[in-house]
Amino acid sequence: MPIIVVANPKGGVGKSTLSTNIAGYYASRGHAVMLGDVDRQLSSKLWLGLRPSAARPITSWEIDADAIAKPPKGTTHVVLDTPAGLHGKRLNEVVKMADRIVVPLQPSVFDIFATRAFLDELIQSKHASKTQIALVGMRVDGRTIAADHLHEFVDKVGAPVVGYLRDTQNYIHLAARGLTLFDVAPGRVAKDLEQWQDLCRWLDS
């Protein structure tokens, strides 16, 4: 049972957007998906409350504030959304569980600095050797200088980059209805689905 953790200590980088859409991808493949919140804001749980009954099922997993339990039986795939400021003991607990960690970051100098320090801490975790780590650029406009800086950073970081996702209202509009890119007609979100191809391949590898 793969456990995918979406993590970055910087707030507002798109962790919940990425978490919900990864869960939506797995659900679209027919898997029994559980979306859990390590995030005290319970963003993913709130999103699941908006999800239509007709959509492919994704179940909620409430995680105690002081301990991370094993997911219920019958679950085939787990996605965990994590809070800003994830460090220390809590980070080690999450890394210990994770098969894969996806680190979203935006093309700003503040995000890049925060992510650099986080990756260093992540790699030094005693459980990191068994965990695959990858980066995803969020809200990236390839025509900007900020995007160039992001590309320069990821070239040096040593972890693979498995996607650059554009800044689009599609994610916002779908999230407001409890949906993902993988819940609607592909023609409506074709450009975005194309940007997800490498990430999906990495998740399935």
Protein backbone atom coordinates (compact mmCIF):
# COMPACT_ATOMS: atom_id res chain seq x y z
CA MET A 1 0.00 0.00 0.00
CA PRO A 2 1.81 3.15 -1.16
CA ILE A 3 1.70 6.14 1.16
CA ILE A 4 2.25 9.46 -0.58
CA VAL A 5 3.10 12.48 1.56
CA VAL A 6 2.83 16.01 0.21
CA ALA A 7 5.06 18.26 2.30
CA ASN A 8 6.74 21.65 2.44
CA PRO A 9 7.13 23.79 5.59
CA LYS A 10 6.25 26.91 3.61
CA GLY A 11 2.57 27.78 3.72
CA GLY A 12 0.54 28.55 0.62
CA VAL A 13 2.62 26.55 -1.86
CA GLY A 14 -0.24 24.35 -3.06
CA LYS A 15 0.07 21.30 -0.80
CA SER A 16 -3.68 20.73 -0.50
CA THR A 17 -4.21 21.30 -4.23
CA LEU A 18 -1.56 18.70 -4.98
CA SER A 19 -2.81 16.26 -2.31
CA THR A 20 -6.42 16.31 -3.43
CA ASN A 21 -5.53 15.91 -7.10
CA ILE A 22 -3.15 13.02 -6.40
CA ALA A 23 -5.98 11.36 -4.47
CA GLY A 24 -8.28 12.09 -7.40
CA TYR A 25 -5.82 10.50 -9.80
CA TYR A 26 -5.63 7.30 -7.76
CA ALA A 27 -9.42 7.20 -7.42
CA SER A 28 -9.77 7.57 -11.19
CA ARG A 29 -7.67 4.41 -11.54
CA GLY A 30 -10.11 2.47 -9.39
CA HIS A 31 -8.03 2.38 -6.20
CA ALA A 32 -9.40 2.53 -2.65
CA VAL A 33 -7.95 5.90 -1.71
CA MET A 34 -7.73 7.48 1.70
CA LEU A 35 -6.89 11.18 1.98
CA GLY A 36 -5.52 12.09 5.40
CA ASP A 37 -4.78 15.37 7.13
CA VAL A 38 -1.67 15.89 9.16
CA ASP A 39 -2.57 19.55 8.56
CA ARG A 40 -4.46 20.98 11.57
CA GLN A 41 -6.44 23.19 9.21
CA LEU A 42 -8.04 19.97 7.94
CA SER A 43 -8.07 21.36 4.41
CA SER A 44 -8.43 17.96 2.81
CA LYS A 45 -11.27 16.94 5.13
CA LEU A 46 -13.11 20.16 4.31
CA TRP A 47 -12.60 19.46 0.61
CA LEU A 48 -13.94 15.92 0.99
CA GLY A 49 -17.05 17.40 2.58
CA LEU A 50 -17.70 19.19 -0.72
CA ARG A 51 -17.19 16.10 -2.85
CA PRO A 52 -20.33 14.95 -4.71
CA SER A 53 -21.67 11.48 -3.90
CA ALA A 54 -21.56 10.66 -7.61
CA ALA A 55 -17.79 11.24 -7.79
CA ARG A 56 -15.35 8.37 -7.38
CA PRO A 57 -15.02 7.69 -3.64
CA ILE A 58 -12.14 9.07 -1.61
CA THR A 59 -12.37 8.45 2.12
CA SER A 60 -11.15 10.63 4.95
CA TRP A 61 -8.55 9.62 7.50
CA GLU A 62 -8.46 11.65 10.67
CA ILE A 63 -5.02 11.56 12.24
CA ASP A 64 -4.58 12.21 15.93
CA ALA A 65 -2.56 15.31 16.72
CA ASP A 66 -0.04 13.34 18.76
CA ALA A 67 0.31 10.13 16.79
CA ILE A 68 -0.01 8.89 13.24
CA ALA A 69 -1.88 5.59 13.16
CA LYS A 70 -2.00 3.01 10.41
CA PRO A 71 -4.76 3.44 7.82
CA PRO A 72 -7.84 1.21 8.04
CA LYS A 73 -7.90 -2.16 6.30
CA GLY A 74 -9.08 -2.20 2.71
CA THR A 75 -7.17 0.94 1.79
CA THR A 76 -4.91 0.49 -1.24
CA HIS A 77 -3.46 4.01 -1.52
CA VAL A 78 -2.94 6.76 1.06
CA VAL A 79 -2.28 10.45 0.42
CA LEU A 80 -1.30 12.69 3.34
CA ASP A 81 -1.62 16.46 3.34
CA THR A 82 0.78 18.09 5.82
CA PRO A 83 0.91 21.45 7.62
CA ALA A 84 3.20 24.39 7.17
CA GLY A 85 6.09 24.33 9.61
CA LEU A 86 6.56 20.54 9.49
CA HIS A 87 9.88 19.82 11.23
CA GLY A 88 11.58 17.70 13.86
CA LYS A 89 9.78 14.76 15.47
CA ARG A 90 6.60 15.25 13.46
CA LEU A 91 8.57 15.27 10.21
CA ASN A 92 10.39 12.08 11.22
CA GLU A 93 7.06 10.36 11.97
CA VAL A 94 5.72 11.30 8.56
CA VAL A 95 8.90 10.28 6.72
CA LYS A 96 8.88 6.94 8.53
CA MET A 97 5.45 6.19 7.04
CA ALA A 98 6.05 7.54 3.56
CA ASP A 99 6.92 5.56 0.47
CA ARG A 100 7.07 8.77 -1.58
CA ILE A 101 7.28 12.42 -0.63
CA VAL A 102 6.17 15.08 -3.09
CA VAL A 103 7.51 18.56 -2.36
CA PRO A 104 5.58 21.38 -4.06
CA LEU A 105 7.22 24.77 -4.43
CA GLN A 106 6.46 28.03 -6.16
CA PRO A 107 8.90 30.12 -8.19
CA SER A 108 9.64 32.71 -5.50
CA VAL A 109 12.91 33.28 -3.68
CA PHE A 110 11.19 32.73 -0.30
CA ASP A 111 9.77 29.38 -1.36
CA ILE A 112 13.10 28.32 -2.82
CA PHE A 113 15.04 29.14 0.37
CA ALA A 114 12.48 27.41 2.60
CA THR A 115 12.43 24.35 0.35
CA ARG A 116 16.22 24.10 0.24
CA ALA A 117 16.41 23.97 4.05
CA PHE A 118 13.51 21.50 4.19
CA LEU A 119 15.10 19.16 1.66
CA ASP A 120 18.34 19.18 3.65
CA GLU A 121 16.41 18.23 6.80
CA LEU A 122 14.42 15.63 4.89
CA ILE A 123 17.50 13.95 3.46
CA GLN A 124 19.13 13.87 6.91
CA SER A 125 16.12 12.09 8.43
CA LYS A 126 17.04 8.59 9.57
CA HIS A 127 14.13 7.15 7.58
CA ALA A 128 14.79 9.01 4.32
CA SER A 129 16.86 6.27 2.69
CA LYS A 130 13.75 4.17 1.96
CA THR A 131 11.69 7.09 0.69
CA GLN A 132 11.53 8.46 -2.84
CA ILE A 133 11.47 12.26 -2.98
CA ALA A 134 10.41 14.43 -5.92
CA LEU A 135 9.65 18.10 -6.56
CA VAL A 136 6.68 19.69 -8.33
CA GLY A 137 6.74 23.31 -9.46
CA MET A 138 3.42 24.98 -8.67
CA ARG A 139 1.82 27.99 -10.39
CA VAL A 140 4.73 28.22 -12.80
CA ASP A 141 4.69 30.63 -15.74
CA GLY A 142 7.61 29.54 -17.89
CA ARG A 143 7.92 33.02 -19.40
CA THR A 144 9.01 34.69 -16.14
CA ILE A 145 12.39 35.34 -14.52
CA ALA A 146 11.04 33.68 -11.37
CA ALA A 147 10.52 30.49 -13.36
CA ASP A 148 14.12 30.69 -14.56
CA HIS A 149 15.28 30.92 -10.93
CA LEU A 150 13.17 27.88 -10.07
CA HIS A 151 14.73 25.89 -12.90
CA GLU A 152 18.21 26.88 -11.71
CA PHE A 153 17.36 25.74 -8.19
CA VAL A 154 15.95 22.35 -9.13
CA ASP A 155 18.93 21.65 -11.40
CA LYS A 156 21.15 21.74 -8.30
CA VAL A 157 18.94 20.05 -5.75
CA GLY A 158 19.52 16.38 -6.54
CA ALA A 159 15.85 15.31 -6.38
CA PRO A 160 13.89 14.72 -9.59
CA VAL A 161 11.37 17.26 -10.81
CA VAL A 162 8.25 15.38 -11.89
CA GLY A 163 6.14 18.28 -13.06
CA TYR A 164 5.62 21.99 -13.54
CA LEU A 165 1.99 22.98 -13.08
CA ARG A 166 0.65 26.24 -14.42
CA ASP A 167 -1.30 28.90 -12.55
CA THR A 168 -4.90 28.27 -13.59
CA GLN A 169 -8.38 28.82 -12.20
CA ASN A 170 -9.23 25.21 -13.03
CA TYR A 171 -7.83 24.00 -9.70
CA ILE A 172 -9.72 26.66 -7.75
CA HIS A 173 -13.07 26.07 -9.46
CA LEU A 174 -12.82 22.30 -9.15
CA ALA A 175 -11.72 22.41 -5.50
CA ALA A 176 -14.76 24.52 -4.64
CA ARG A 177 -16.92 21.59 -5.80
CA GLY A 178 -14.86 18.83 -4.18
CA LEU A 179 -13.50 17.74 -7.55
CA THR A 180 -10.13 17.22 -9.24
CA LEU A 181 -8.78 17.33 -12.77
CA PHE A 182 -9.49 13.61 -12.96
CA ASP A 183 -13.21 13.95 -12.23
CA VAL A 184 -14.23 16.00 -15.25
CA ALA A 185 -14.23 15.54 -19.02
CA PRO A 186 -10.57 15.46 -20.15
CA GLY A 187 -11.23 17.99 -22.89
CA ARG A 188 -12.04 20.65 -20.27
CA VAL A 189 -8.63 20.36 -18.61
CA ALA A 190 -6.48 18.89 -21.38
CA LYS A 191 -3.53 21.24 -20.88
CA ASP A 192 -3.43 20.54 -17.16
CA LEU A 193 -3.70 16.77 -17.58
CA GLU A 194 -0.76 16.95 -19.97
CA GLN A 195 1.30 18.66 -17.27
CA TRP A 196 0.42 15.85 -14.86
CA GLN A 197 1.68 13.03 -17.07
CA ASP A 198 5.22 12.85 -15.67
CA LEU A 199 3.98 13.10 -12.09
CA CYS A 200 1.46 10.30 -12.67
CA ARG A 201 4.15 8.10 -14.21
CA TRP A 202 6.37 8.70 -11.18
CA LEU A 203 3.52 7.88 -8.79
CA ASP A 204 2.90 4.61 -10.63
CA SER A 205 6.55 3.60 -11.04
